[in-house]
Amino acid sequence: MCRPLRRLHASFRVLNTSATNPLAVCQRAQANRRCIQALAQKRPDVRTPLRASQRQVVRPSDEGDLRLGDASHESLEHEEESSSRKDAEQDSQFAEHLNGLFSPLQFPPELSRRILTHGSHPAAVHGHNAGLSFMGRRVLETYLLLFLNSSRSLKHDHDLEHIASRTLNTYVLGEHIGAHWGLGRMLRWTPTVPAEKLKMVESDPSVLRNVGLYKVQGDTVAAVMGGIFQQFGGSVAHRIFHTRVLPHLARQADVLPTPFHGDVFAVAKRMGGVDGPLIVKPDASKSTLRLSQTA
């Protein structure tokens, strides 16, 4: 046993034999202080700067580690750049799909990505279509109620709320309009059923309703209308409703009551048919006539 430890051991004996003696307590404290100082002198201080001979020298292996760290950083930057490029390509595909459906409209890539991303998809953290779907459903309801109120086939016993609810049912929109627009091929969403059940779609098409595809497509149809109303205005959205949405719903059984079908196709015909132009330039001669009448 070294001398400092022997002193510390002796101080403990003094405390045990004279625990109530104030002098013994004082002597123990002094002995402990001297013991700690002695131990501190024998142990190197970790905060003491290393001598030149003790300093670590960067060897070729260490330089290799530094180069490896730089390579890892470059690899991470390359992966981020590749991911950004992939996202940009996917955004352009979304925009191309919507542009093809509603030519000559040109959808911004960011808006297209939001429209075609459902809240169930992991990428929804960067934006999804819930807000646009909420607005689009109000747009659809407004245009349908305006049409019903202006129709000559409206009777006093017609329940407008029931007609609108059945015509614009989310599953109906997804099954007929969403499938007609091919949204399922581009839509980003996550089914809530096991993958084994998805394999049954080919043998049993009714599985699509159970897995939620029609529901998700219906929400996306509303999001498309909301995005068009926000980006291109109410006039374009109104023409799309009467040429691309309502005529297609009127052809389905038990969706829109039969007495209104004639008015549906009459309005669509006045707007150029089911493939009519979405942007109509004002007639220069009529504008001149209005100005002359005003003057």
Protein backbone atom coordinates (compact mmCIF):
# COMPACT_ATOMS: atom_id res chain seq x y z
CA MET A 1 0.00 0.00 0.00
CA CYS A 2 1.39 3.40 -0.98
CA ARG A 3 1.98 6.13 1.60
CA PRO A 4 -1.05 8.30 0.66
CA LEU A 5 -3.40 5.37 0.94
CA ARG A 6 -1.92 4.34 4.26
CA ARG A 7 -2.55 7.87 5.55
CA LEU A 8 -6.16 7.76 4.32
CA HIS A 9 -6.62 4.35 5.98
CA ALA A 10 -5.20 5.67 9.24
CA SER A 11 -7.57 8.65 9.13
CA PHE A 12 -10.52 6.28 8.86
CA ARG A 13 -9.31 4.40 11.95
CA VAL A 14 -9.07 7.67 13.84
CA LEU A 15 -12.66 8.52 12.85
CA ASN A 16 -13.97 5.15 13.93
CA THR A 17 -12.29 5.33 17.35
CA SER A 18 -13.07 8.99 18.05
CA ALA A 19 -16.19 9.81 16.12
CA THR A 20 -17.38 12.24 18.75
CA ASN A 21 -14.03 13.97 19.25
CA PRO A 22 -13.96 17.31 17.35
CA LEU A 23 -10.17 17.21 17.25
CA ALA A 24 -10.22 13.80 15.63
CA VAL A 25 -12.63 15.05 13.00
CA CYS A 26 -10.37 17.99 12.21
CA GLN A 27 -7.36 15.72 11.97
CA ARG A 28 -9.28 13.41 9.60
CA ALA A 29 -10.17 16.34 7.33
CA GLN A 30 -6.55 17.48 7.18
CA ALA A 31 -5.40 13.93 6.48
CA ASN A 32 -7.94 13.55 3.69
CA ARG A 33 -6.84 16.83 2.15
CA ARG A 34 -3.16 15.77 2.17
CA CYS A 35 -4.08 12.36 0.77
CA ILE A 36 -6.08 13.83 -2.08
CA GLN A 37 -3.30 16.25 -2.95
CA ALA A 38 -0.78 13.41 -3.00
CA LEU A 39 -2.97 11.29 -5.24
CA ALA A 40 -3.55 14.22 -7.58
CA GLN A 41 0.22 14.69 -7.97
CA LYS A 42 0.70 11.02 -8.87
CA ARG A 43 -2.20 10.94 -11.46
CA PRO A 44 -1.84 12.94 -14.69
CA ASP A 45 -4.36 15.76 -15.10
CA VAL A 46 -6.59 15.07 -18.13
CA ARG A 47 -6.90 18.80 -18.68
CA THR A 48 -3.15 19.30 -18.87
CA PRO A 49 -2.05 19.92 -22.46
CA LEU A 50 -0.14 17.04 -23.98
CA ARG A 51 3.57 17.40 -24.59
CA ALA A 52 4.82 17.58 -28.10
CA SER A 53 5.97 13.94 -27.88
CA GLN A 54 2.50 12.86 -26.75
CA ARG A 55 0.54 14.68 -29.43
CA GLN A 56 -1.17 12.52 -32.02
CA VAL A 57 0.38 12.70 -35.45
CA VAL A 58 -1.85 12.34 -38.49
CA ARG A 59 -0.71 9.19 -40.24
CA PRO A 60 -1.65 7.98 -43.71
CA SER A 61 -4.45 5.85 -42.22
CA ASP A 62 -5.92 8.96 -40.56
CA GLU A 63 -5.71 10.84 -43.82
CA GLY A 64 -7.59 7.95 -45.40
CA ASP A 65 -10.30 8.32 -42.79
CA LEU A 66 -10.56 12.01 -43.62
CA ARG A 67 -10.84 11.19 -47.29
CA LEU A 68 -13.50 8.61 -46.43
CA GLY A 69 -15.48 11.24 -44.54
CA ASP A 70 -15.31 13.60 -47.52
CA ALA A 71 -16.45 10.78 -49.80
CA SER A 72 -19.40 10.03 -47.54
CA HIS A 73 -20.41 13.69 -47.59
CA GLU A 74 -20.17 13.76 -51.39
CA SER A 75 -22.21 10.55 -51.58
CA LEU A 76 -24.94 12.11 -49.41
CA GLU A 77 -25.06 15.21 -51.59
CA HIS A 78 -25.28 12.99 -54.68
CA GLU A 79 -28.22 11.05 -53.18
CA GLU A 80 -30.05 14.29 -52.32
CA GLU A 81 -29.48 15.62 -55.81
CA SER A 82 -30.70 12.35 -57.33
CA SER A 83 -33.81 12.40 -55.12
CA SER A 84 -34.56 16.01 -56.09
CA ARG A 85 -34.19 15.13 -59.77
CA LYS A 86 -36.53 12.16 -59.36
CA ASP A 87 -39.14 14.31 -57.60
CA ALA A 88 -38.95 16.90 -60.36
CA GLU A 89 -39.47 14.21 -63.01
CA GLN A 90 -42.46 12.83 -61.13
CA ASP A 91 -43.96 16.32 -60.75
CA SER A 92 -43.65 16.83 -64.50
CA GLN A 93 -45.47 13.53 -65.09
CA PHE A 94 -48.32 14.67 -62.84
CA ALA A 95 -48.54 17.95 -64.75
CA GLU A 96 -48.46 16.19 -68.14
CA HIS A 97 -51.35 13.93 -67.12
CA LEU A 98 -53.57 16.83 -66.04
CA ASN A 99 -52.53 18.95 -69.03
CA GLY A 100 -53.59 16.12 -71.34
CA LEU A 101 -56.98 15.84 -69.65
CA PHE A 102 -57.75 19.55 -69.68
CA SER A 103 -55.93 20.96 -72.69
CA PRO A 104 -55.00 23.78 -73.21
CA LEU A 105 -54.65 24.37 -69.45
CA GLN A 106 -51.11 24.21 -68.11
CA PHE A 107 -50.92 22.98 -64.51
CA PRO A 108 -47.88 24.02 -62.44
CA PRO A 109 -45.88 20.96 -61.31
CA GLU A 110 -46.26 21.84 -57.63
CA LEU A 111 -50.04 22.13 -57.92
CA SER A 112 -50.21 18.87 -59.88
CA ARG A 113 -48.25 17.07 -57.17
CA ARG A 114 -50.62 18.34 -54.47
CA ILE A 115 -53.72 17.35 -56.45
CA LEU A 116 -52.50 13.80 -57.05
CA THR A 117 -51.11 13.14 -53.54
CA HIS A 118 -53.53 11.72 -51.01
CA GLY A 119 -53.06 12.28 -47.29
CA SER A 120 -52.42 8.55 -46.73
CA HIS A 121 -49.18 8.58 -48.75
CA PRO A 122 -45.82 9.14 -46.94
CA ALA A 123 -45.05 12.03 -49.31
CA ALA A 124 -48.09 13.86 -47.93
CA VAL A 125 -45.78 15.52 -45.38
CA HIS A 126 -44.71 17.79 -48.27
CA GLY A 127 -48.30 18.63 -49.26
CA HIS A 128 -51.50 16.74 -50.11
CA ASN A 129 -54.90 17.36 -51.68
CA ALA A 130 -57.17 17.60 -48.61
CA GLY A 131 -57.54 21.39 -48.77
CA LEU A 132 -58.14 21.42 -52.52
CA SER A 133 -60.64 18.59 -52.16
CA PHE A 134 -62.60 20.56 -49.55
CA MET A 135 -62.78 23.59 -51.82
CA GLY A 136 -63.54 21.53 -54.92
CA ARG A 137 -66.50 19.82 -53.32
CA ARG A 138 -68.02 23.22 -52.53
CA VAL A 139 -67.45 24.24 -56.15
CA LEU A 140 -69.20 21.10 -57.43
CA GLU A 141 -72.14 21.55 -55.07
CA THR A 142 -72.54 25.22 -56.02
CA TYR A 143 -72.58 24.58 -59.77
CA LEU A 144 -74.98 21.63 -59.42
CA LEU A 145 -77.44 23.56 -57.25
CA LEU A 146 -77.33 26.51 -59.63
CA PHE A 147 -78.06 24.17 -62.53
CA LEU A 148 -80.94 22.44 -60.73
CA ASN A 149 -82.55 25.72 -59.73
CA SER A 150 -82.39 27.01 -63.30
CA SER A 151 -83.71 23.78 -64.88
CA ARG A 152 -87.22 23.73 -66.34
CA SER A 153 -87.57 20.15 -65.08
CA LEU A 154 -87.40 21.15 -61.42
CA LYS A 155 -90.58 20.35 -59.52
CA HIS A 156 -91.73 21.51 -56.13
CA ASP A 157 -91.40 17.99 -54.71
CA HIS A 158 -87.76 17.59 -55.74
CA ASP A 159 -85.37 17.38 -52.80
CA LEU A 160 -82.32 19.35 -53.97
CA GLU A 161 -80.18 18.29 -51.03
CA HIS A 162 -80.87 14.61 -51.70
CA ILE A 163 -80.22 14.98 -55.43
CA ALA A 164 -76.91 16.77 -54.83
CA SER A 165 -75.83 14.25 -52.20
CA ARG A 166 -76.52 11.29 -54.51
CA THR A 167 -75.07 12.88 -57.65
CA LEU A 168 -71.86 14.10 -55.99
CA ASN A 169 -71.33 11.08 -53.75
CA THR A 170 -67.60 10.58 -53.25
CA TYR A 171 -67.71 6.93 -54.36
CA VAL A 172 -69.77 7.86 -57.44
CA LEU A 173 -67.26 10.54 -58.43
CA GLY A 174 -64.36 8.14 -57.90
CA GLU A 175 -65.92 5.21 -59.75
CA HIS A 176 -67.14 7.12 -62.80
CA ILE A 177 -65.27 10.44 -63.12
CA GLY A 178 -62.01 9.41 -61.45
CA ALA A 179 -61.74 6.19 -63.46
CA HIS A 180 -62.69 8.05 -66.67
CA TRP A 181 -59.88 10.56 -66.02
CA GLY A 182 -57.40 7.78 -65.25
CA LEU A 183 -56.52 9.20 -61.85
CA GLY A 184 -55.77 5.76 -60.38
CA ARG A 185 -52.70 5.40 -62.61
CA MET A 186 -51.11 8.58 -61.31
CA LEU A 187 -52.52 8.99 -57.81
CA ARG A 188 -50.19 8.57 -54.83
CA TRP A 189 -51.98 6.89 -51.92
CA THR A 190 -51.59 4.00 -49.46
CA PRO A 191 -54.30 1.30 -49.24
CA THR A 192 -55.46 0.29 -45.78
CA VAL A 193 -55.74 -3.43 -46.61
CA PRO A 194 -53.08 -6.17 -46.89
CA ALA A 195 -51.29 -6.69 -50.18
CA GLU A 196 -52.88 -10.17 -50.53
CA LYS A 197 -56.31 -8.59 -50.86
CA LEU A 198 -55.13 -6.23 -53.59
CA LYS A 199 -54.24 -9.26 -55.73
CA MET A 200 -57.95 -10.18 -55.83
CA VAL A 201 -58.83 -7.09 -57.89
CA GLU A 202 -58.46 -8.88 -61.24
CA SER A 203 -60.84 -11.70 -60.25
CA ASP A 204 -63.24 -9.49 -58.24
CA PRO A 205 -63.45 -5.83 -59.35
CA SER A 206 -65.74 -5.03 -56.41
CA VAL A 207 -62.64 -5.22 -54.21
CA LEU A 208 -61.75 -1.73 -55.45
CA ARG A 209 -64.62 -0.26 -53.44
CA ASN A 210 -63.57 -2.18 -50.33
CA VAL A 211 -59.90 -1.15 -50.49
CA GLY A 212 -60.87 2.52 -50.75
CA LEU A 213 -59.76 3.31 -54.31
CA TYR A 214 -63.11 4.83 -55.32
CA LYS A 215 -63.14 6.94 -52.15
CA VAL A 216 -59.62 8.23 -52.77
CA GLN A 217 -60.35 8.87 -56.46
CA GLY A 218 -63.52 10.74 -55.54
CA ASP A 219 -61.58 13.00 -53.19
CA THR A 220 -59.06 13.58 -55.98
CA VAL A 221 -61.79 14.54 -58.45
CA ALA A 222 -62.90 17.20 -55.99
CA ALA A 223 -59.25 18.24 -55.57
CA VAL A 224 -58.92 18.62 -59.33
CA MET A 225 -61.92 20.95 -59.39
CA GLY A 226 -60.55 22.87 -56.41
CA GLY A 227 -57.16 23.24 -58.07
CA ILE A 228 -58.72 24.41 -61.34
CA PHE A 229 -60.93 26.93 -59.55
CA GLN A 230 -57.92 28.24 -57.62
CA GLN A 231 -55.46 28.34 -60.52
CA PHE A 232 -57.61 29.16 -63.56
CA GLY A 233 -60.73 30.79 -62.13
CA GLY A 234 -64.42 30.10 -61.80
CA SER A 235 -65.25 30.46 -65.50
CA VAL A 236 -62.96 27.57 -66.49
CA ALA A 237 -64.14 25.43 -63.57
CA HIS A 238 -67.76 26.08 -64.58
CA ARG A 239 -67.15 24.92 -68.16
CA ILE A 240 -65.36 21.79 -66.96
CA PHE A 241 -68.28 20.94 -64.69
CA HIS A 242 -70.85 21.22 -67.50
CA THR A 243 -68.75 19.53 -70.21
CA ARG A 244 -66.49 16.99 -68.43
CA VAL A 245 -68.34 16.10 -65.22
CA LEU A 246 -72.13 16.43 -65.30
CA PRO A 247 -72.75 14.86 -68.77
CA HIS A 248 -70.72 11.80 -67.79
CA LEU A 249 -72.67 11.44 -64.53
CA ALA A 250 -75.99 11.77 -66.40
CA ARG A 251 -75.11 8.68 -68.45
CA GLN A 252 -74.88 6.55 -65.30
CA ALA A 253 -77.91 4.81 -63.90
CA ASP A 254 -79.45 6.03 -60.64
CA VAL A 255 -77.14 9.04 -60.25
CA LEU A 256 -78.89 12.15 -61.56
CA PRO A 257 -82.70 11.96 -61.91
CA THR A 258 -83.79 11.33 -65.48
CA PRO A 259 -85.93 14.53 -65.90
CA PHE A 260 -82.76 16.64 -65.73
CA HIS A 261 -80.81 14.75 -68.42
CA GLY A 262 -82.15 16.81 -71.31
CA ASP A 263 -81.05 20.06 -69.70
CA VAL A 264 -77.63 18.60 -68.89
CA PHE A 265 -76.83 17.83 -72.52
CA ALA A 266 -78.43 21.07 -73.74
CA VAL A 267 -76.08 23.13 -71.55
CA ALA A 268 -73.09 21.03 -72.61
CA LYS A 269 -74.01 21.55 -76.27
CA ARG A 270 -74.16 25.33 -75.82
CA MET A 271 -70.64 25.17 -74.38
CA GLY A 272 -69.28 23.21 -77.35
CA GLY A 273 -70.10 19.65 -76.33
CA VAL A 274 -68.38 17.22 -73.98
CA ASP A 275 -65.05 18.10 -75.63
CA GLY A 276 -65.76 21.79 -75.94
CA PRO A 277 -63.13 24.49 -75.38
CA LEU A 278 -62.32 25.33 -71.79
CA ILE A 279 -61.07 28.84 -72.51
CA VAL A 280 -63.30 31.06 -74.62
CA LYS A 281 -61.90 34.29 -75.96
CA PRO A 282 -64.34 37.21 -75.86
CA ASP A 283 -65.82 38.20 -79.22
CA ALA A 284 -64.16 41.43 -80.34
CA SER A 285 -67.25 42.57 -82.28
CA LYS A 286 -69.53 42.11 -79.25
CA SER A 287 -67.09 43.98 -77.05
CA THR A 288 -67.02 46.86 -79.51
CA LEU A 289 -70.82 46.88 -79.63
CA ARG A 290 -71.09 47.03 -75.85
CA LEU A 291 -68.61 49.92 -75.73
CA SER A 292 -70.54 51.86 -78.36
CA GLN A 293 -73.83 51.31 -76.56
CA THR A 294 -72.27 52.47 -73.30
CA ALA A 295 -70.93 55.61 -74.95
